């Protein structure tokens, strides 16, 4: 065997010149942190269970219930389990495989075949029992590349699960903020109803005294009815947010009544950046998942290239074979064999070349998707940074507008009660107050939601637990790479 194997390998290598990989190389390069335009500052990840900083037990319970029972997480977990199984199967192919086969067949032997008399033209039992061994020696690293490809997909699927968890926590937070906003909107609608009821009472008194007319009275009644419409719309938004929260938590309609008004601490401190952090590209699980898929595609390309080379494996067997069951396990029936097996592609009508070109295209696709994910993450983070900064400025101006609107309405109501001004003045002042109040709760709700969005955009509490693979980049093929 020691003499035969080198001869077989040499023959295989000489014959392999009949077919070799094309010179196709990847055309795209992965974006670097410098290309993405991130800053030099870093930001520590948020603490686990960062949502507890808001001091709302119901918020905590909804997020934790969502992370435990949401159907989309179960789907992502199933994909991860399937990817891990595929990795184990690919890895198992690298090791020796053993089996045991046995058979006993009632057979009529031909009189004109190699079976000697007296068996020819007669019926006998023919059987065998043997232990078999096969081992792909993987000289060119094809099996190792397939294992690396499967492992890359498994790592990406694990990070997809982390991404799904982040998206869910962010979605729950958005829905919970919307619920809080709906309650605040209902409060404004109720205050508006009380104000308009008061104005209606004043108007009725002025009409009785002959100071106002039926026109003002009708307008005051219509304004009160509009306030009831606003309250009903706010209540409807509250119910919709409640339904969404229950759905996200994997709960049915029976849970609606148990979701009450939020008690979020508006000034909760979260670790938020003031610029694009330098470690953004290694903090987000979606970026890391795309990076592992680049690694998997690169490994797939290596496996496709190795398929052009001779596949050498070792095979062996040992067992018994005989004609006639009574002689099967006698010493003379024992046989065995051991030797190399070589598989060499000589002509396949371009199949291997097409597979190699496809694997190269897959690598370009993975790099393109990685770059798209990076740019989307940079844009998302930059948008959130700009929005948080803008909302901070808006709140100061809105607070001043609200204070002025409240003072103006109080003065207008006093003058209207005294008969010194008309209903239109009161209505104008009240409309300005209502607009300012709604603007304030809109800004507060948006600020809370956007701060959470920014926290998730820079990776939240996610911490990478594995070393990252190097990113595949295009390079000019050498002559040794274009021919085996």
Protein backbone atom coordinates (compact mmCIF):
# COMPACT_ATOMS: atom_id res chain seq x y z
CA UNK A 1 0.00 0.00 0.00
CA UNK A 2 2.85 2.41 0.80
CA UNK A 3 4.09 2.11 -2.78
CA UNK A 4 0.69 2.09 -4.43
CA UNK A 5 -0.79 5.22 -2.88
CA UNK A 6 1.88 7.66 -4.14
CA UNK A 7 1.61 6.17 -7.60
CA UNK A 8 -2.17 6.60 -7.57
CA UNK A 9 -1.84 10.17 -6.36
CA UNK A 10 0.73 11.04 -8.98
CA UNK A 11 -1.44 9.59 -11.71
CA UNK A 12 -4.43 11.48 -10.43
CA UNK A 13 -2.59 14.77 -10.31
CA UNK A 14 -1.32 14.35 -13.85
CA UNK A 15 -4.78 13.53 -15.11
CA UNK A 16 -6.33 16.44 -13.21
CA UNK A 17 -4.75 18.78 -15.76
CA UNK A 18 -7.71 17.85 -17.94
CA UNK A 19 -10.01 20.05 -15.85
CA UNK A 20 -9.17 22.94 -13.54
CA UNK A 21 -10.95 25.84 -11.86
CA UNK A 22 -11.66 28.97 -13.90
CA UNK A 23 -9.83 32.18 -13.00
CA UNK A 24 -12.97 33.94 -11.68
CA UNK A 25 -12.25 36.01 -8.55
CA UNK A 26 -14.55 37.93 -6.19
CA UNK A 27 -15.24 41.46 -7.40
CA UNK A 28 -16.50 43.15 -4.21
CA UNK A 29 -14.67 44.18 -1.05
CA UNK A 30 -16.24 44.44 2.40
CA UNK A 31 -16.56 47.91 3.90
CA UNK A 32 -14.18 48.80 6.72
CA UNK A 33 -14.99 50.95 9.74
CA UNK A 34 -13.22 53.83 7.99
CA UNK A 35 -15.31 53.32 4.87
CA UNK A 36 -18.46 53.36 7.03
CA UNK A 37 -17.43 56.70 8.55
CA UNK A 38 -17.71 55.78 12.23
CA UNK A 39 -15.92 57.81 14.86
CA UNK A 40 -12.99 56.82 17.07
CA UNK A 41 -15.10 56.79 20.25
CA UNK A 42 -16.34 53.52 21.74
CA UNK A 43 -19.41 52.85 23.84
CA UNK A 44 -19.84 50.08 26.41
CA UNK A 45 -22.82 47.79 25.79
CA UNK A 46 -25.98 48.39 27.74
CA UNK A 47 -26.51 46.21 30.78
CA UNK A 48 -28.61 43.08 30.53
CA UNK A 49 -32.30 43.82 31.13
CA UNK A 50 -31.69 47.49 30.29
CA UNK A 51 -35.45 48.07 30.18
CA UNK A 52 -35.59 47.82 33.96
CA UNK A 53 -34.06 51.31 34.11
CA UNK A 54 -37.55 52.66 33.37
CA UNK A 55 -38.82 51.38 36.70
CA UNK A 56 -42.05 49.91 35.30
CA UNK A 57 -42.69 46.30 36.45
CA UNK A 58 -45.36 45.80 33.79
CA UNK A 59 -42.90 46.87 31.07
CA UNK A 60 -40.32 44.41 32.45
CA UNK A 61 -42.84 41.58 32.54
CA UNK A 62 -44.05 42.20 28.97
CA UNK A 63 -40.55 42.21 27.50
CA UNK A 64 -39.47 39.12 29.42
CA UNK A 65 -42.70 37.34 28.49
CA UNK A 66 -42.13 38.29 24.84
CA UNK A 67 -38.58 36.95 24.88
CA UNK A 68 -39.88 33.70 26.35
CA UNK A 69 -42.97 33.10 24.25
CA UNK A 70 -42.92 34.99 20.95
CA UNK A 71 -43.49 32.66 17.93
CA UNK A 72 -40.89 34.43 15.76
CA UNK A 73 -38.19 33.57 18.30
CA UNK A 74 -39.25 29.94 18.19
CA UNK A 75 -38.86 30.00 14.41
CA UNK A 76 -35.38 31.52 14.66
CA UNK A 77 -34.42 28.94 17.26
CA UNK A 78 -35.59 26.11 14.98
CA UNK A 79 -33.39 27.45 12.17
CA UNK A 80 -30.46 27.59 14.54
CA UNK A 81 -31.01 23.99 15.62
CA UNK A 82 -31.18 22.88 11.98
CA UNK A 83 -27.94 24.76 11.20
CA UNK A 84 -26.17 23.15 14.17
CA UNK A 85 -27.31 19.73 12.99
CA UNK A 86 -25.96 20.47 9.50
CA UNK A 87 -22.62 21.46 11.02
CA UNK A 88 -22.43 18.23 12.98
CA UNK A 89 -23.25 16.20 9.86
CA UNK A 90 -20.57 17.98 7.82
CA UNK A 91 -18.00 17.51 10.58
CA UNK A 92 -18.83 13.80 10.91
CA UNK A 93 -17.85 13.24 7.26
CA UNK A 94 -14.22 14.06 8.14
CA UNK A 95 -13.83 10.98 10.31
CA UNK A 96 -13.64 7.27 9.48
CA UNK A 97 -17.02 5.70 8.85
CA UNK A 98 -17.70 2.09 9.79
CA UNK A 99 -20.64 -0.17 9.07
CA UNK A 100 -21.65 -3.81 9.19
CA UNK A 101 -23.50 -5.54 6.34
CA UNK A 102 -24.85 -9.06 6.20
CA UNK A 103 -27.04 -10.89 3.73
CA UNK A 104 -28.16 -14.42 2.89
CA UNK A 105 -29.80 -14.95 -0.50
CA UNK A 106 -31.34 -18.08 -2.02
CA UNK A 107 -29.86 -18.07 -5.52
CA UNK A 108 -29.68 -20.22 -8.64
CA UNK A 109 -26.19 -20.06 -10.10
CA UNK A 110 -25.60 -19.94 -13.83
CA UNK A 111 -23.91 -22.88 -15.45
CA UNK A 112 -22.09 -20.53 -17.85
CA UNK A 113 -20.62 -18.10 -15.34
CA UNK A 114 -17.49 -18.07 -13.22
CA UNK A 115 -19.03 -20.15 -10.44
CA UNK A 116 -17.46 -23.61 -10.74
CA UNK A 117 -19.23 -26.96 -10.50
CA UNK A 118 -21.04 -28.38 -8.67
CA UNK A 119 -22.80 -25.02 -7.98
CA UNK A 120 -23.64 -24.09 -11.57
CA UNK A 121 -27.26 -24.77 -12.61
CA UNK A 122 -28.22 -25.40 -8.98
CA UNK A 123 -29.83 -23.42 -6.20
CA UNK A 124 -27.92 -22.63 -3.01
CA UNK A 125 -27.83 -20.13 -0.22
CA UNK A 126 -25.23 -17.44 -0.85
CA UNK A 127 -24.33 -15.16 2.00
CA UNK A 128 -21.83 -12.81 3.48
CA UNK A 129 -21.13 -10.78 6.59
CA UNK A 130 -18.50 -8.06 6.74
CA UNK A 131 -17.41 -5.02 8.68
CA UNK A 132 -16.58 -2.05 6.44
CA UNK A 133 -14.46 1.04 6.91
CA UNK A 134 -14.16 4.12 4.72
CA UNK A 135 -12.25 7.33 5.33
CA UNK A 136 -12.05 10.35 3.06
CA UNK A 137 -8.49 11.58 3.58
CA UNK A 138 -9.44 15.14 2.50
CA UNK A 139 -6.01 15.97 1.04
CA UNK A 140 -7.28 19.20 -0.53
CA UNK A 141 -9.38 20.43 2.40
CA UNK A 142 -12.77 20.08 0.74
CA UNK A 143 -14.44 18.48 3.78
CA UNK A 144 -12.82 21.02 6.09
CA UNK A 145 -14.17 23.82 3.89
CA UNK A 146 -17.66 22.30 3.95
CA UNK A 147 -17.49 22.12 7.74
CA UNK A 148 -16.40 25.77 7.89
CA UNK A 149 -19.25 26.69 5.56
CA UNK A 150 -21.81 24.92 7.73
CA UNK A 151 -20.33 26.43 10.87
CA UNK A 152 -20.51 29.92 9.34
CA UNK A 153 -24.20 29.47 8.59
CA UNK A 154 -24.79 28.19 12.13
CA UNK A 155 -23.01 31.18 13.63
CA UNK A 156 -25.06 33.50 11.42
CA UNK A 157 -28.30 31.81 12.46
CA UNK A 158 -27.33 32.17 16.12
CA UNK A 159 -26.79 35.88 15.55
CA UNK A 160 -30.11 36.08 13.69
CA UNK A 161 -31.68 34.83 16.91
CA UNK A 162 -29.95 37.63 18.84
CA UNK A 163 -31.15 40.12 16.21
CA UNK A 164 -34.71 38.84 16.54
CA UNK A 165 -34.50 39.32 20.31
CA UNK A 166 -33.33 42.90 19.84
CA UNK A 167 -36.05 43.67 17.32
CA UNK A 168 -38.67 42.24 19.66
CA UNK A 169 -37.52 44.26 22.66
CA UNK A 170 -37.50 47.39 20.52
CA UNK A 171 -40.96 46.60 19.11
CA UNK A 172 -42.38 45.99 22.59
CA UNK A 173 -40.86 49.27 23.74
CA UNK A 174 -42.39 51.12 20.78
CA UNK A 175 -45.80 49.60 21.46
CA UNK A 176 -45.54 50.34 25.17
CA UNK A 177 -44.60 53.94 24.42
CA UNK A 178 -47.58 54.15 22.08
CA UNK A 179 -49.78 52.85 24.92
CA UNK A 180 -48.41 55.52 27.25
CA UNK A 181 -49.01 58.15 24.56
CA UNK A 182 -52.59 56.97 24.08
CA UNK A 183 -53.27 57.34 27.81
CA UNK A 184 -51.76 60.85 27.76
CA UNK A 185 -53.86 61.73 24.71
CA UNK A 186 -56.98 60.54 26.52
CA UNK A 187 -56.03 62.74 29.48
CA UNK A 188 -55.78 65.78 27.20
CA UNK A 189 -59.13 64.89 25.61
CA UNK A 190 -60.77 64.68 29.05
CA UNK A 191 -59.29 68.00 30.15
CA UNK A 192 -60.45 69.49 26.87
CA UNK A 193 -63.94 68.13 27.47
CA UNK A 194 -63.96 69.71 30.93
CA UNK A 195 -62.74 73.03 29.51
CA UNK A 196 -65.33 73.00 26.75
CA UNK A 197 -68.07 72.02 29.15
CA UNK A 198 -67.04 75.02 31.23
CA UNK A 199 -67.07 77.27 28.17
CA UNK A 200 -70.49 75.88 27.23
CA UNK A 201 -71.81 76.71 30.69
CA UNK A 202 -70.40 80.24 30.46
CA UNK A 203 -71.86 80.65 26.97
CA UNK A 204 -75.28 79.48 28.15
CA UNK A 205 -75.13 82.01 30.98
CA UNK A 206 -74.13 84.79 28.57
CA UNK A 207 -76.90 83.85 26.14
CA UNK A 208 -79.41 84.01 28.99
CA UNK A 209 -78.06 87.46 29.89
CA UNK A 210 -78.33 88.58 26.29
CA UNK A 211 -74.59 89.07 25.89
CA UNK A 212 -74.00 86.12 23.52
CA UNK A 213 -76.11 84.59 20.75
CA UNK A 214 -77.25 81.13 19.72
CA UNK A 215 -74.36 81.05 17.25
CA UNK A 216 -71.79 80.97 20.07
CA UNK A 217 -73.91 78.45 21.95
CA UNK A 218 -74.00 76.10 18.95
CA UNK A 219 -70.26 76.48 18.46
CA UNK A 220 -69.60 75.64 22.09
CA UNK A 221 -71.79 72.52 21.88
CA UNK A 222 -70.03 71.42 18.68
CA UNK A 223 -66.61 71.91 20.27
CA UNK A 224 -67.64 69.68 23.21
CA UNK A 225 -68.81 66.96 20.80
CA UNK A 226 -65.46 67.17 18.98
CA UNK A 227 -63.64 66.66 22.28
CA UNK A 228 -65.65 63.47 22.81
CA UNK A 229 -64.52 62.31 19.35
CA UNK A 230 -60.90 62.99 20.31
CA UNK A 231 -61.35 60.98 23.50
CA UNK A 232 -62.84 58.05 21.59
CA UNK A 233 -59.90 58.10 19.13
CA UNK A 234 -57.41 58.10 21.99
CA UNK A 235 -59.19 55.18 23.63
CA UNK A 236 -59.12 53.30 20.33
CA UNK A 237 -55.34 53.84 20.04
CA UNK A 238 -54.97 52.59 23.61
CA UNK A 239 -56.85 49.39 22.75
CA UNK A 240 -54.78 48.82 19.59
CA UNK A 241 -51.51 49.23 21.52
CA UNK A 242 -52.81 46.81 24.16
CA UNK A 243 -53.67 44.23 21.51
CA UNK A 244 -50.21 44.55 19.94
CA UNK A 245 -48.44 44.11 23.27
CA UNK A 246 -50.44 40.98 24.04
CA UNK A 247 -49.69 39.55 20.59
CA UNK A 248 -45.96 40.22 20.95
CA UNK A 249 -45.97 38.48 24.32
CA UNK A 250 -47.67 35.45 22.78
CA UNK A 251 -50.91 36.13 24.68
CA UNK A 252 -54.51 36.12 23.51
CA UNK A 253 -57.50 38.38 24.10
CA UNK A 254 -57.78 37.22 27.68
CA UNK A 255 -54.67 39.26 28.54
CA UNK A 256 -56.04 42.59 27.30
CA UNK A 257 -57.70 43.57 30.56
CA UNK A 258 -54.54 42.85 32.53
CA UNK A 259 -52.44 45.44 30.63
CA UNK A 260 -52.81 48.72 32.51
CA UNK A 261 -51.44 52.24 32.24
CA UNK A 262 -47.64 52.47 31.92
CA UNK A 263 -45.56 54.07 34.66
CA UNK A 264 -42.36 54.70 32.68
CA UNK A 265 -39.72 56.87 34.31
CA UNK A 266 -39.30 59.57 31.66
CA UNK A 267 -35.78 60.48 32.78
CA UNK A 268 -34.36 56.94 32.76
CA UNK A 269 -30.62 56.96 32.11
CA UNK A 270 -29.52 54.82 29.15
CA UNK A 271 -25.96 54.48 27.75
CA UNK A 272 -26.44 56.44 24.53
CA UNK A 273 -23.68 57.67 22.20
CA UNK A 274 -23.32 61.23 20.96
CA UNK A 275 -21.59 60.09 17.75
CA UNK A 276 -21.31 56.97 15.61
CA UNK A 277 -19.26 54.60 17.83
CA UNK A 278 -16.16 52.99 16.35
CA UNK A 279 -17.22 49.55 17.51
CA UNK A 280 -20.61 49.73 15.78
CA UNK A 281 -19.53 47.11 13.20
CA UNK A 282 -18.76 44.53 15.90
CA UNK A 283 -21.62 45.31 18.28
CA UNK A 284 -24.68 44.65 16.15
CA UNK A 285 -25.67 41.01 15.71
CA UNK A 286 -27.13 41.61 12.23
CA UNK A 287 -23.75 42.92 11.02
CA UNK A 288 -21.93 40.00 12.61
CA UNK A 289 -24.40 37.55 11.06
CA UNK A 290 -23.73 39.05 7.63
CA UNK A 291 -20.01 38.77 8.32
CA UNK A 292 -20.30 35.06 9.16
CA UNK A 293 -22.25 34.53 5.95
CA UNK A 294 -19.35 36.07 4.04
CA UNK A 295 -17.07 33.57 5.76
CA UNK A 296 -19.46 30.71 4.91
CA UNK A 297 -19.58 31.78 1.26
CA UNK A 298 -15.78 31.97 1.14
CA UNK A 299 -15.56 28.45 2.57
CA UNK A 300 -18.10 27.25 0.01
CA UNK A 301 -15.91 28.66 -2.74
CA UNK A 302 -12.89 26.82 -1.33
CA UNK A 303 -14.89 23.58 -1.28
CA UNK A 304 -15.97 24.13 -4.89
CA UNK A 305 -12.32 24.63 -5.88
CA UNK A 306 -11.17 21.50 -4.03
CA UNK A 307 -13.74 19.47 -5.99
CA UNK A 308 -11.48 19.78 -9.05
CA UNK A 309 -8.72 17.76 -7.37
CA UNK A 310 -8.54 13.99 -6.89
CA UNK A 311 -10.65 12.77 -4.00
CA UNK A 312 -8.64 10.10 -2.20
CA UNK A 313 -10.19 7.86 0.42
CA UNK A 314 -9.19 4.73 2.24
CA UNK A 315 -11.47 1.70 2.26
CA UNK A 316 -11.27 -1.62 4.08
CA UNK A 317 -13.47 -4.60 4.81
CA UNK A 318 -13.21 -7.87 6.72
CA UNK A 319 -15.76 -10.67 7.01
CA UNK A 320 -17.06 -13.93 5.63
CA UNK A 321 -18.62 -14.98 2.34
CA UNK A 322 -19.62 -18.43 1.11
CA UNK A 323 -22.04 -20.45 -0.92
CA UNK A 324 -24.10 -22.46 1.49
CA UNK A 325 -25.06 -21.25 4.90
CA UNK A 326 -23.37 -24.10 6.75
CA UNK A 327 -19.93 -23.00 5.51
CA UNK A 328 -20.36 -19.24 5.94
CA UNK A 329 -18.46 -18.89 9.21
CA UNK A 330 -15.73 -21.47 8.58
CA UNK A 331 -12.14 -20.32 8.53
CA UNK A 332 -11.83 -20.76 4.80
CA UNK A 333 -14.72 -18.36 4.19
CA UNK A 334 -12.90 -15.43 5.79
CA UNK A 335 -11.89 -12.57 3.45
CA UNK A 336 -10.65 -9.03 3.82
CA UNK A 337 -9.40 -6.11 1.78
CA UNK A 338 -7.67 -2.76 2.23
CA UNK A 339 -6.64 -0.05 -0.20
CA UNK A 340 -6.99 3.50 -1.51
CA UNK A 341 -9.85 4.71 -3.68
CA UNK A 342 -9.41 7.70 -5.95
CA UNK A 343 -12.13 9.74 -7.66
CA UNK A 344 -10.97 12.14 -10.35
CA UNK A 345 -13.22 14.33 -12.51
CA UNK A 346 -12.10 14.14 -16.15
CA UNK A 347 -15.08 15.43 -18.10
CA UNK A 348 -18.33 16.75 -16.63
CA UNK A 349 -19.60 19.11 -19.36
CA UNK A 350 -18.62 22.15 -17.29
CA UNK A 351 -20.54 21.23 -14.14
CA UNK A 352 -17.66 21.85 -11.70
CA UNK A 353 -16.70 25.11 -13.39
CA UNK A 354 -20.30 26.30 -13.17
CA UNK A 355 -20.40 25.38 -9.49
CA UNK A 356 -17.16 27.27 -8.87
CA UNK A 357 -18.42 30.36 -10.68
CA UNK A 358 -21.65 30.10 -8.71
CA UNK A 359 -19.71 29.88 -5.44
CA UNK A 360 -17.70 32.97 -6.43
CA UNK A 361 -20.93 34.81 -7.21
CA UNK A 362 -22.33 33.69 -3.85
CA UNK A 363 -19.31 35.24 -2.15
CA UNK A 364 -19.88 38.53 -3.97
CA UNK A 365 -23.54 38.38 -2.95
CA UNK A 366 -22.63 37.80 0.70
CA UNK A 367 -20.15 40.70 0.65
CA UNK A 368 -22.75 42.93 -0.98
CA UNK A 369 -25.31 42.00 1.66
CA UNK A 370 -22.74 42.65 4.38
CA UNK A 371 -22.01 46.10 2.97
CA UNK A 372 -25.73 46.83 2.71
CA UNK A 373 -26.22 45.78 6.34
CA UNK A 374 -23.34 48.01 7.47
CA UNK A 375 -24.62 51.04 5.57
CA UNK A 376 -28.16 50.47 6.83
CA UNK A 377 -26.87 50.23 10.42
CA UNK A 378 -24.84 53.42 10.01
CA UNK A 379 -27.82 55.27 8.56
CA UNK A 380 -30.16 53.93 11.23
CA UNK A 381 -27.81 54.98 14.03
CA UNK A 382 -27.09 58.38 12.48
CA UNK A 383 -30.82 59.00 12.01
CA UNK A 384 -31.51 58.07 15.63
CA UNK A 385 -28.69 60.32 16.86
CA UNK A 386 -30.05 63.26 14.85
CA UNK A 387 -33.61 62.62 15.98
CA UNK A 388 -32.72 62.34 19.68
CA UNK A 389 -30.73 65.57 19.45
CA UNK A 390 -33.52 67.35 17.59
CA UNK A 391 -36.23 66.18 20.01
CA UNK A 392 -34.17 67.51 22.91
CA UNK A 393 -34.19 70.98 21.34
CA UNK A 394 -37.84 70.71 20.34
CA UNK A 395 -38.91 69.91 23.88
CA UNK A 396 -37.49 73.16 25.25
CA UNK A 397 -39.31 75.22 22.64
CA UNK A 398 -42.49 73.21 23.06
CA UNK A 399 -42.42 73.71 26.83
CA UNK A 400 -42.24 77.49 26.32
CA UNK A 401 -45.11 77.34 23.81
CA UNK A 402 -47.20 75.27 26.24
CA UNK A 403 -46.64 77.70 29.11
CA UNK A 404 -47.66 80.64 26.95
CA UNK A 405 -50.73 78.78 25.63
CA UNK A 406 -51.91 77.95 29.14
CA UNK A 407 -51.53 81.55 30.28
CA UNK A 408 -53.30 82.85 27.18
CA UNK A 409 -56.21 80.45 27.60
CA UNK A 410 -56.64 81.32 31.29
CA UNK A 411 -56.74 85.01 30.45
CA UNK A 412 -59.15 84.49 27.53
CA UNK A 413 -61.50 82.44 29.73
CA UNK A 414 -61.53 85.14 32.42
CA UNK A 415 -62.30 87.89 29.88
CA UNK A 416 -64.99 85.76 28.22
CA UNK A 417 -66.64 85.07 31.56
CA UNK A 418 -66.68 88.80 32.22
CA UNK A 419 -68.15 89.48 28.80
CA UNK A 420 -65.07 91.44 27.69
CA UNK A 421 -64.20 89.28 24.69
CA UNK A 422 -65.97 87.05 22.18
CA UNK A 423 -66.20 83.28 21.87
CA UNK A 424 -63.79 83.25 18.92
CA UNK A 425 -60.99 84.53 21.14
CA UNK A 426 -61.60 81.75 23.66
CA UNK A 427 -61.79 79.14 20.90
CA UNK A 428 -58.53 80.36 19.35
CA UNK A 429 -56.75 80.28 22.73
CA UNK A 430 -58.11 76.83 23.51
CA UNK A 431 -57.06 75.48 20.12
CA UNK A 432 -53.53 76.79 20.68
CA UNK A 433 -53.45 75.18 24.14
CA UNK A 434 -54.71 71.86 22.79
CA UNK A 435 -52.11 71.93 20.02
CA UNK A 436 -49.33 72.72 22.49
CA UNK A 437 -50.39 69.93 24.88
CA UNK A 438 -50.57 67.40 22.10
CA UNK A 439 -47.22 68.56 20.76
CA UNK A 440 -45.64 68.09 24.18
CA UNK A 441 -46.85 64.51 24.65
CA UNK A 442 -45.91 63.72 21.05
CA UNK A 443 -42.34 64.92 21.64
CA UNK A 444 -42.06 63.09 24.98
CA UNK A 445 -43.33 59.84 23.46
CA UNK A 446 -41.08 60.19 20.42
CA UNK A 447 -38.08 60.97 22.62
CA UNK A 448 -38.64 57.87 24.75
CA UNK A 449 -39.13 55.65 21.68
CA UNK A 450 -36.16 57.12 19.82
CA UNK A 451 -33.79 56.76 22.75
CA UNK A 452 -34.69 53.07 22.91
CA UNK A 453 -34.29 52.85 19.12
CA UNK A 454 -30.83 54.39 19.39
CA UNK A 455 -29.85 52.00 22.17
CA UNK A 456 -30.83 49.03 20.01
CA UNK A 457 -29.24 50.58 16.90
CA UNK A 458 -25.80 50.53 18.54
CA UNK A 459 -26.19 46.93 19.71
CA UNK A 460 -28.12 47.21 22.97
CA UNK A 461 -26.82 44.74 25.53
CA UNK A 462 -25.50 42.32 22.90
CA UNK A 463 -21.93 41.14 23.49
CA UNK A 464 -20.13 38.99 20.85
CA UNK A 465 -19.10 35.68 22.39
CA UNK A 466 -16.88 34.32 19.59
CA UNK A 467 -13.87 35.44 17.60
CA UNK A 468 -14.88 37.01 14.31
CA UNK A 469 -13.76 35.50 11.00
CA UNK A 470 -11.60 37.58 8.66
CA UNK A 471 -13.56 39.27 5.91
CA UNK A 472 -13.03 37.89 2.41
CA UNK A 473 -11.62 40.45 -0.01
CA UNK A 474 -10.97 40.19 -3.76
CA UNK A 475 -7.44 39.50 -4.90
CA UNK A 476 -5.72 38.63 -8.13
CA UNK A 477 -5.43 34.89 -8.65
CA UNK A 478 -1.97 33.41 -8.93
CA UNK A 479 -1.09 30.82 -11.52
CA UNK A 480 -1.08 28.17 -8.81
CA UNK A 481 -4.71 28.99 -8.05
CA UNK A 482 -5.99 28.74 -11.58
CA UNK A 483 -4.59 25.31 -12.23
CA UNK A 484 -4.32 22.27 -9.94
